[in-house]
């Protein structure tokens, strides 16, 4: 059975990928907010709960963006 070598860890575009995820999540939140005006009370509650989880995800992603940007600044030094 051949052993495939793992791809090297290419983190060069992680900041951009994470920023794109944040932007998409914000767009999803805004779209959900717009649909709330046409939703039942139960659906509004679900949308609000989902948007709260999205807010939490955005916060975590922004922290990860800071970490990745700092790692990029330091040249991705290996910590091994």
PDB file of N, CA and C in Angstrom:
ATOM      1  N   UNK A   1       0.852  -1.177   0.000  1.00  0.00           N
ATOM      2  CA  UNK A   1       0.000   0.000   0.000  1.00  0.00           C
ATOM      3  C   UNK A   1       0.895   1.237   0.000  1.00  0.00           C
ATOM      4  N   UNK A   2       0.767   2.091  -1.018  1.00  0.00           N
ATOM      5  CA  UNK A   2       1.637   3.273  -1.083  1.00  0.00           C
ATOM      6  C   UNK A   2       1.295   4.276   0.012  1.00  0.00           C
ATOM      7  N   UNK A   3       2.337   4.903   0.516  1.00  0.00           N
ATOM      8  CA  UNK A   3       2.147   5.935   1.539  1.00  0.00           C
ATOM      9  C   UNK A   3       2.248   7.293   0.864  1.00  0.00           C
ATOM     10  N   UNK A   4       1.194   8.044   0.944  1.00  0.00           N
ATOM     11  CA  UNK A   4       1.213   9.390   0.383  1.00  0.00           C
ATOM     12  C   UNK A   4       1.778  10.345   1.413  1.00  0.00           C
ATOM     13  N   UNK A   5       2.670  11.191   0.955  1.00  0.00           N
ATOM     14  CA  UNK A   5       3.219  12.202   1.849  1.00  0.00           C
ATOM     15  C   UNK A   5       2.174  13.279   2.083  1.00  0.00           C
ATOM     16  N   UNK A   6       2.030  13.726   3.310  1.00  0.00           N
ATOM     17  CA  UNK A   6       1.075  14.815   3.540  1.00  0.00           C
ATOM     18  C   UNK A   6       1.559  16.093   2.866  1.00  0.00           C
ATOM     19  N   UNK A   7       0.605  16.894   2.465  1.00  0.00           N
ATOM     20  CA  UNK A   7       0.962  18.165   1.845  1.00  0.00           C
ATOM     21  C   UNK A   7       1.611  19.055   2.903  1.00  0.00           C
ATOM     22  N   UNK A   8       2.555  19.880   2.483  1.00  0.00           N
ATOM     23  CA  UNK A   8       3.143  20.811   3.445  1.00  0.00           C
ATOM     24  C   UNK A   8       2.073  21.757   3.982  1.00  0.00           C
ATOM     25  N   UNK A   9       2.265  22.218   5.182  1.00  0.00           N
ATOM     26  CA  UNK A   9       1.314  23.118   5.826  1.00  0.00           C
ATOM     27  C   UNK A   9       1.437  24.504   5.215  1.00  0.00           C
ATOM     28  N   UNK A  10       0.550  24.826   4.276  1.00  0.00           N
ATOM     29  CA  UNK A  10       0.570  26.133   3.616  1.00  0.00           C
ATOM     30  C   UNK A  10      -0.447  27.031   4.302  1.00  0.00           C
ATOM     31  N   UNK A  11       0.050  27.922   5.136  1.00  0.00           N
ATOM     32  CA  UNK A  11      -0.815  28.820   5.888  1.00  0.00           C
ATOM     33  C   UNK A  11      -0.798  30.219   5.309  1.00  0.00           C
ATOM     34  N   UNK A  12      -0.210  30.388   4.144  1.00  0.00           N
ATOM     35  CA  UNK A  12       0.018  31.732   3.607  1.00  0.00           C
ATOM     36  C   UNK A  12      -1.263  32.514   3.348  1.00  0.00           C
ATOM     37  N   UNK A  13      -2.370  31.819   3.083  1.00  0.00           N
ATOM     38  CA  UNK A  13      -3.606  32.557   2.793  1.00  0.00           C
ATOM     39  C   UNK A  13      -4.683  32.334   3.858  1.00  0.00           C
ATOM     40  N   UNK A  14      -4.294  31.857   5.031  1.00  0.00           N
ATOM     41  CA  UNK A  14      -5.276  31.607   6.087  1.00  0.00           C
ATOM     42  C   UNK A  14      -6.021  32.869   6.503  1.00  0.00           C
ATOM     43  N   UNK A  15      -5.331  33.994   6.605  1.00  0.00           N
ATOM     44  CA  UNK A  15      -5.977  35.239   7.023  1.00  0.00           C
ATOM     45  C   UNK A  15      -7.084  35.592   6.034  1.00  0.00           C
ATOM     46  N   UNK A  16      -6.789  35.505   4.746  1.00  0.00           N
ATOM     47  CA  UNK A  16      -7.779  35.845   3.729  1.00  0.00           C
ATOM     48  C   UNK A  16      -8.960  34.869   3.762  1.00  0.00           C
ATOM     49  N   UNK A  17      -8.672  33.590   3.937  1.00  0.00           N
ATOM     50  CA  UNK A  17      -9.756  32.598   4.011  1.00  0.00           C
ATOM     51  C   UNK A  17     -10.654  32.873   5.212  1.00  0.00           C
ATOM     52  N   UNK A  18     -10.058  33.156   6.346  1.00  0.00           N
ATOM     53  CA  UNK A  18     -10.831  33.435   7.547  1.00  0.00           C
ATOM     54  C   UNK A  18     -11.657  34.709   7.383  1.00  0.00           C
ATOM     55  N   UNK A  19     -11.072  35.727   6.783  1.00  0.00           N
ATOM     56  CA  UNK A  19     -11.812  36.970   6.554  1.00  0.00           C
ATOM     57  C   UNK A  19     -13.010  36.732   5.636  1.00  0.00           C
ATOM     58  N   UNK A  20     -12.828  35.895   4.645  1.00  0.00           N
ATOM     59  CA  UNK A  20     -13.919  35.567   3.732  1.00  0.00           C
ATOM     60  C   UNK A  20     -15.040  34.850   4.479  1.00  0.00           C
ATOM     61  N   UNK A  21     -14.675  33.949   5.375  1.00  0.00           N
ATOM     62  CA  UNK A  21     -15.672  33.240   6.180  1.00  0.00           C
ATOM     63  C   UNK A  21     -16.444  34.230   7.046  1.00  0.00           C
ATOM     64  N   UNK A  22     -15.744  35.175   7.658  1.00  0.00           N
ATOM     65  CA  UNK A  22     -16.406  36.186   8.487  1.00  0.00           C
ATOM     66  C   UNK A  22     -17.386  36.997   7.635  1.00  0.00           C
ATOM     67  N   UNK A  23     -16.953  37.433   6.470  1.00  0.00           N
ATOM     68  CA  UNK A  23     -17.815  38.225   5.587  1.00  0.00           C
ATOM     69  C   UNK A  23     -19.065  37.439   5.189  1.00  0.00           C
ATOM     70  N   UNK A  24     -18.890  36.173   4.833  1.00  0.00           N
ATOM     71  CA  UNK A  24     -20.037  35.341   4.453  1.00  0.00           C
ATOM     72  C   UNK A  24     -20.988  35.148   5.631  1.00  0.00           C
ATOM     73  N   UNK A  25     -20.448  34.971   6.810  1.00  0.00           N
ATOM     74  CA  UNK A  25     -21.278  34.785   7.991  1.00  0.00           C
ATOM     75  C   UNK A  25     -22.088  36.044   8.291  1.00  0.00           C
ATOM     76  N   UNK A  26     -21.454  37.203   8.151  1.00  0.00           N
ATOM     77  CA  UNK A  26     -22.164  38.474   8.367  1.00  0.00           C
ATOM     78  C   UNK A  26     -23.290  38.620   7.338  1.00  0.00           C
ATOM     79  N   UNK A  27     -23.018  38.273   6.086  1.00  0.00           N
ATOM     80  CA  UNK A  27     -24.057  38.335   5.060  1.00  0.00           C
ATOM     81  C   UNK A  27     -25.218  37.413   5.411  1.00  0.00           C
ATOM     82  N   UNK A  28     -24.908  36.203   5.889  1.00  0.00           N
ATOM     83  CA  UNK A  28     -25.959  35.263   6.281  1.00  0.00           C
ATOM     84  C   UNK A  28     -26.792  35.823   7.429  1.00  0.00           C
ATOM     85  N   UNK A  29     -26.128  36.472   8.363  1.00  0.00           N
ATOM     86  CA  UNK A  29     -26.845  37.069   9.489  1.00  0.00           C
ATOM     87  C   UNK A  29     -27.795  38.159   8.998  1.00  0.00           C
ATOM     88  N   UNK A  30     -27.313  38.998   8.099  1.00  0.00           N
ATOM     89  CA  UNK A  30     -28.137  40.092   7.581  1.00  0.00           C
ATOM     90  C   UNK A  30     -29.336  39.550   6.817  1.00  0.00           C
ATOM     91  N   UNK A  31     -29.114  38.514   6.011  1.00  0.00           N
ATOM     92  CA  UNK A  31     -30.226  37.910   5.273  1.00  0.00           C
ATOM     93  C   UNK A  31     -31.243  37.308   6.241  1.00  0.00           C
ATOM     94  N   UNK A  32     -30.760  36.663   7.281  1.00  0.00           N
ATOM     95  CA  UNK A  32     -31.660  36.072   8.272  1.00  0.00           C
ATOM     96  C   UNK A  32     -32.474  37.156   8.971  1.00  0.00           C
ATOM     97  N   UNK A  33     -31.822  38.274   9.289  1.00  0.00           N
ATOM     98  CA  UNK A  33     -32.529  39.390   9.923  1.00  0.00           C
ATOM     99  C   UNK A  33     -33.652  39.895   9.017  1.00  0.00           C
ATOM    100  N   UNK A  34     -33.372  39.972   7.720  1.00  0.00           N
ATOM    101  CA  UNK A  34     -34.386  40.446   6.774  1.00  0.00           C
ATOM    102  C   UNK A  34     -35.582  39.500   6.721  1.00  0.00           C
ATOM    103  N   UNK A  35     -35.335  38.201   6.785  1.00  0.00           N
ATOM    104  CA  UNK A  35     -36.442  37.249   6.699  1.00  0.00           C
ATOM    105  C   UNK A  35     -37.251  37.185   7.994  1.00  0.00           C
ATOM    106  N   UNK A  36     -36.688  37.682   9.077  1.00  0.00           N
ATOM    107  CA  UNK A  36     -37.403  37.619  10.361  1.00  0.00           C
ATOM    108  C   UNK A  36     -38.724  38.377  10.320  1.00  0.00           C
ATOM    109  N   UNK A  37     -38.799  39.448   9.553  1.00  0.00           N
ATOM    110  CA  UNK A  37     -40.030  40.236   9.525  1.00  0.00           C
ATOM    111  C   UNK A  37     -41.198  39.453   8.926  1.00  0.00           C
ATOM    112  N   UNK A  38     -40.899  38.407   8.168  1.00  0.00           N
ATOM    113  CA  UNK A  38     -41.939  37.591   7.548  1.00  0.00           C
ATOM    114  C   UNK A  38     -42.111  36.248   8.247  1.00  0.00           C
ATOM    115  N   UNK A  39     -41.455  36.085   9.390  1.00  0.00           N
ATOM    116  CA  UNK A  39     -41.413  34.789  10.067  1.00  0.00           C
ATOM    117  C   UNK A  39     -42.387  34.730  11.230  1.00  0.00           C
ATOM    118  N   UNK A  40     -42.728  33.518  11.582  1.00  0.00           N
ATOM    119  CA  UNK A  40     -43.552  33.287  12.768  1.00  0.00           C
ATOM    120  C   UNK A  40     -42.707  33.558  14.010  1.00  0.00           C
ATOM    121  N   UNK A  41     -43.336  33.734  15.156  1.00  0.00           N
ATOM    122  CA  UNK A  41     -42.558  33.952  16.385  1.00  0.00           C
ATOM    123  C   UNK A  41     -41.559  32.825  16.666  1.00  0.00           C
ATOM    124  N   UNK A  42     -41.960  31.586  16.384  1.00  0.00           N
ATOM    125  CA  UNK A  42     -41.054  30.446  16.626  1.00  0.00           C
ATOM    126  C   UNK A  42     -39.852  30.518  15.696  1.00  0.00           C
ATOM    127  N   UNK A  43     -40.115  30.829  14.444  1.00  0.00           N
ATOM    128  CA  UNK A  43     -39.020  30.928  13.471  1.00  0.00           C
ATOM    129  C   UNK A  43     -38.103  32.093  13.829  1.00  0.00           C
ATOM    130  N   UNK A  44     -38.682  33.210  14.254  1.00  0.00           N
ATOM    131  CA  UNK A  44     -37.859  34.360  14.676  1.00  0.00           C
ATOM    132  C   UNK A  44     -36.930  33.971  15.820  1.00  0.00           C
ATOM    133  N   UNK A  45     -37.453  33.190  16.740  1.00  0.00           N
ATOM    134  CA  UNK A  45     -36.638  32.744  17.873  1.00  0.00           C
ATOM    135  C   UNK A  45     -35.479  31.869  17.393  1.00  0.00           C
ATOM    136  N   UNK A  46     -35.758  30.978  16.445  1.00  0.00           N
ATOM    137  CA  UNK A  46     -34.685  30.127  15.893  1.00  0.00           C
ATOM    138  C   UNK A  46     -33.640  30.958  15.169  1.00  0.00           C
ATOM    139  N   UNK A  47     -34.099  31.948  14.405  1.00  0.00           N
ATOM    140  CA  UNK A  47     -33.171  32.812  13.670  1.00  0.00           C
ATOM    141  C   UNK A  47     -32.301  33.595  14.651  1.00  0.00           C
ATOM    142  N   UNK A  48     -32.915  34.137  15.691  1.00  0.00           N
ATOM    143  CA  UNK A  48     -32.143  34.889  16.685  1.00  0.00           C
ATOM    144  C   UNK A  48     -31.108  34.003  17.363  1.00  0.00           C
ATOM    145  N   UNK A  49     -31.482  32.764  17.678  1.00  0.00           N
ATOM    146  CA  UNK A  49     -30.530  31.838  18.308  1.00  0.00           C
ATOM    147  C   UNK A  49     -29.384  31.517  17.349  1.00  0.00           C
ATOM    148  N   UNK A  50     -29.725  31.290  16.089  1.00  0.00           N
ATOM    149  CA  UNK A  50     -28.694  30.974  15.109  1.00  0.00           C
ATOM    150  C   UNK A  50     -27.758  32.164  14.902  1.00  0.00           C
ATOM    151  N   UNK A  51     -28.329  33.368  14.847  1.00  0.00           N
ATOM    152  CA  UNK A  51     -27.490  34.550  14.677  1.00  0.00           C
ATOM    153  C   UNK A  51     -26.606  34.772  15.898  1.00  0.00           C
ATOM    154  N   UNK A  52     -27.080  34.412  17.078  1.00  0.00           N
ATOM    155  CA  UNK A  52     -26.234  34.505  18.275  1.00  0.00           C
ATOM    156  C   UNK A  52     -25.036  33.564  18.148  1.00  0.00           C
ATOM    157  N   UNK A  53     -25.279  32.362  17.661  1.00  0.00           N
ATOM    158  CA  UNK A  53     -24.168  31.411  17.446  1.00  0.00           C
ATOM    159  C   UNK A  53     -23.222  31.951  16.373  1.00  0.00           C
ATOM    160  N   UNK A  54     -23.779  32.572  15.363  1.00  0.00           N
ATOM    161  CA  UNK A  54     -22.936  33.165  14.318  1.00  0.00           C
ATOM    162  C   UNK A  54     -22.057  34.271  14.903  1.00  0.00           C
ATOM    163  N   UNK A  55     -22.643  35.095  15.773  1.00  0.00           N
ATOM    164  CA  UNK A  55     -21.861  36.156  16.436  1.00  0.00           C
ATOM    165  C   UNK A  55     -20.680  35.556  17.192  1.00  0.00           C
ATOM    166  N   UNK A  56     -20.937  34.482  17.909  1.00  0.00           N
ATOM    167  CA  UNK A  56     -19.877  33.821  18.671  1.00  0.00           C
ATOM    168  C   UNK A  56     -18.803  33.281  17.735  1.00  0.00           C
ATOM    169  N   UNK A  57     -19.227  32.720  16.617  1.00  0.00           N
ATOM    170  CA  UNK A  57     -18.267  32.208  15.632  1.00  0.00           C
ATOM    171  C   UNK A  57     -17.422  33.330  15.054  1.00  0.00           C
ATOM    172  N   UNK A  58     -18.070  34.447  14.754  1.00  0.00           N
ATOM    173  CA  UNK A  58     -17.336  35.592  14.204  1.00  0.00           C
ATOM    174  C   UNK A  58     -16.289  36.062  15.195  1.00  0.00           C
ATOM    175  N   UNK A  59     -16.649  36.135  16.456  1.00  0.00           N
ATOM    176  CA  UNK A  59     -15.681  36.556  17.474  1.00  0.00           C
ATOM    177  C   UNK A  59     -14.479  35.605  17.496  1.00  0.00           C
ATOM    178  N   UNK A  60     -14.751  34.300  17.495  1.00  0.00           N
ATOM    179  CA  UNK A  60     -13.664  33.312  17.506  1.00  0.00           C
ATOM    180  C   UNK A  60     -12.821  33.417  16.236  1.00  0.00           C
ATOM    181  N   UNK A  61     -13.465  33.607  15.098  1.00  0.00           N
ATOM    182  CA  UNK A  61     -12.728  33.730  13.842  1.00  0.00           C
ATOM    183  C   UNK A  61     -11.838  34.965  13.835  1.00  0.00           C
ATOM    184  N   UNK A  62     -12.335  36.058  14.381  1.00  0.00           N
ATOM    185  CA  UNK A  62     -11.516  37.279  14.427  1.00  0.00           C
ATOM    186  C   UNK A  62     -10.302  37.093  15.318  1.00  0.00           C
ATOM    187  N   UNK A  63     -10.457  36.347  16.401  1.00  0.00           N
ATOM    188  CA  UNK A  63      -9.301  36.037  17.254  1.00  0.00           C
ATOM    189  C   UNK A  63      -8.296  35.178  16.478  1.00  0.00           C
ATOM    190  N   UNK A  64      -8.814  34.223  15.716  1.00  0.00           N
ATOM    191  CA  UNK A  64      -7.932  33.370  14.920  1.00  0.00           C
ATOM    192  C   UNK A  64      -7.231  34.188  13.836  1.00  0.00           C
ATOM    193  N   UNK A  65      -7.934  35.151  13.252  1.00  0.00           N
ATOM    194  CA  UNK A  65      -7.314  36.026  12.246  1.00  0.00           C
ATOM    195  C   UNK A  65      -6.151  36.778  12.878  1.00  0.00           C
ATOM    196  N   UNK A  66      -6.342  37.301  14.094  1.00  0.00           N
ATOM    197  CA  UNK A  66      -5.254  38.013  14.780  1.00  0.00           C
ATOM    198  C   UNK A  66      -4.050  37.091  14.972  1.00  0.00           C
ATOM    199  N   UNK A  67      -4.325  35.856  15.413  1.00  0.00           N
ATOM    200  CA  UNK A  67      -3.238  34.896  15.628  1.00  0.00           C
ATOM    201  C   UNK A  67      -2.509  34.582  14.324  1.00  0.00           C
ATOM    202  N   UNK A  68      -3.280  34.338  13.274  1.00  0.00           N
ATOM    203  CA  UNK A  68      -2.663  34.022  11.980  1.00  0.00           C
ATOM    204  C   UNK A  68      -1.856  35.202  11.454  1.00  0.00           C
ATOM    205  N   UNK A  69      -2.388  36.415  11.609  1.00  0.00           N
ATOM    206  CA  UNK A  69      -1.660  37.597  11.145  1.00  0.00           C
ATOM    207  C   UNK A  69      -0.356  37.759  11.924  1.00  0.00           C
ATOM    208  N   UNK A  70      -0.407  37.512  13.222  1.00  0.00           N
ATOM    209  CA  UNK A  70       0.810  37.596  14.035  1.00  0.00           C
ATOM    210  C   UNK A  70       1.812  36.535  13.605  1.00  0.00           C
ATOM    211  N   UNK A  71       1.321  35.316  13.328  1.00  0.00           N
ATOM    212  CA  UNK A  71       2.216  34.251  12.858  1.00  0.00           C
ATOM    213  C   UNK A  71       2.826  34.617  11.514  1.00  0.00           C
ATOM    214  N   UNK A  72       2.031  35.236  10.649  1.00  0.00           N
ATOM    215  CA  UNK A  72       2.536  35.644   9.341  1.00  0.00           C
ATOM    216  C   UNK A  72       3.642  36.683   9.525  1.00  0.00           C
ATOM    217  N   UNK A  73       3.412  37.619  10.438  1.00  0.00           N
ATOM    218  CA  UNK A  73       4.409  38.661  10.708  1.00  0.00           C
ATOM    219  C   UNK A  73       5.726  38.055  11.188  1.00  0.00           C
ATOM    220  N   UNK A  74       5.612  37.009  12.016  1.00  0.00           N
ATOM    221  CA  UNK A  74       6.823  36.405  12.572  1.00  0.00           C
ATOM    222  C   UNK A  74       7.425  35.367  11.630  1.00  0.00           C
ATOM    223  N   UNK A  75       6.836  35.177  10.476  1.00  0.00           N
ATOM    224  CA  UNK A  75       7.412  34.294   9.474  1.00  0.00           C
ATOM    225  C   UNK A  75       7.077  32.828   9.682  1.00  0.00           C
ATOM    226  N   UNK A  76       6.006  32.516  10.398  1.00  0.00           N
ATOM    227  CA  UNK A  76       5.587  31.124  10.620  1.00  0.00           C
ATOM    228  C   UNK A  76       6.719  30.261  11.139  1.00  0.00           C
ATOM    229  N   UNK A  77       7.401  30.754  12.119  1.00  0.00           N
ATOM    230  CA  UNK A  77       8.505  29.968  12.678  1.00  0.00           C
ATOM    231  C   UNK A  77       7.964  28.662  13.260  1.00  0.00           C
ATOM    232  N   UNK A  78       8.703  27.601  13.023  1.00  0.00           N
ATOM    233  CA  UNK A  78       8.328  26.301  13.578  1.00  0.00           C
ATOM    234  C   UNK A  78       8.612  26.306  15.080  1.00  0.00           C
ATOM    235  N   UNK A  79       7.648  25.885  15.834  1.00  0.00           N
ATOM    236  CA  UNK A  79       7.801  25.878  17.289  1.00  0.00           C
ATOM    237  C   UNK A  79       8.134  24.489  17.808  1.00  0.00           C
ATOM    238  N   UNK A  80       8.792  23.694  16.999  1.00  0.00           N
ATOM    239  CA  UNK A  80       9.124  22.329  17.420  1.00  0.00           C
ATOM    240  C   UNK A  80      10.534  22.251  17.920  1.00  0.00           C
TER     241      UNK A  80
END
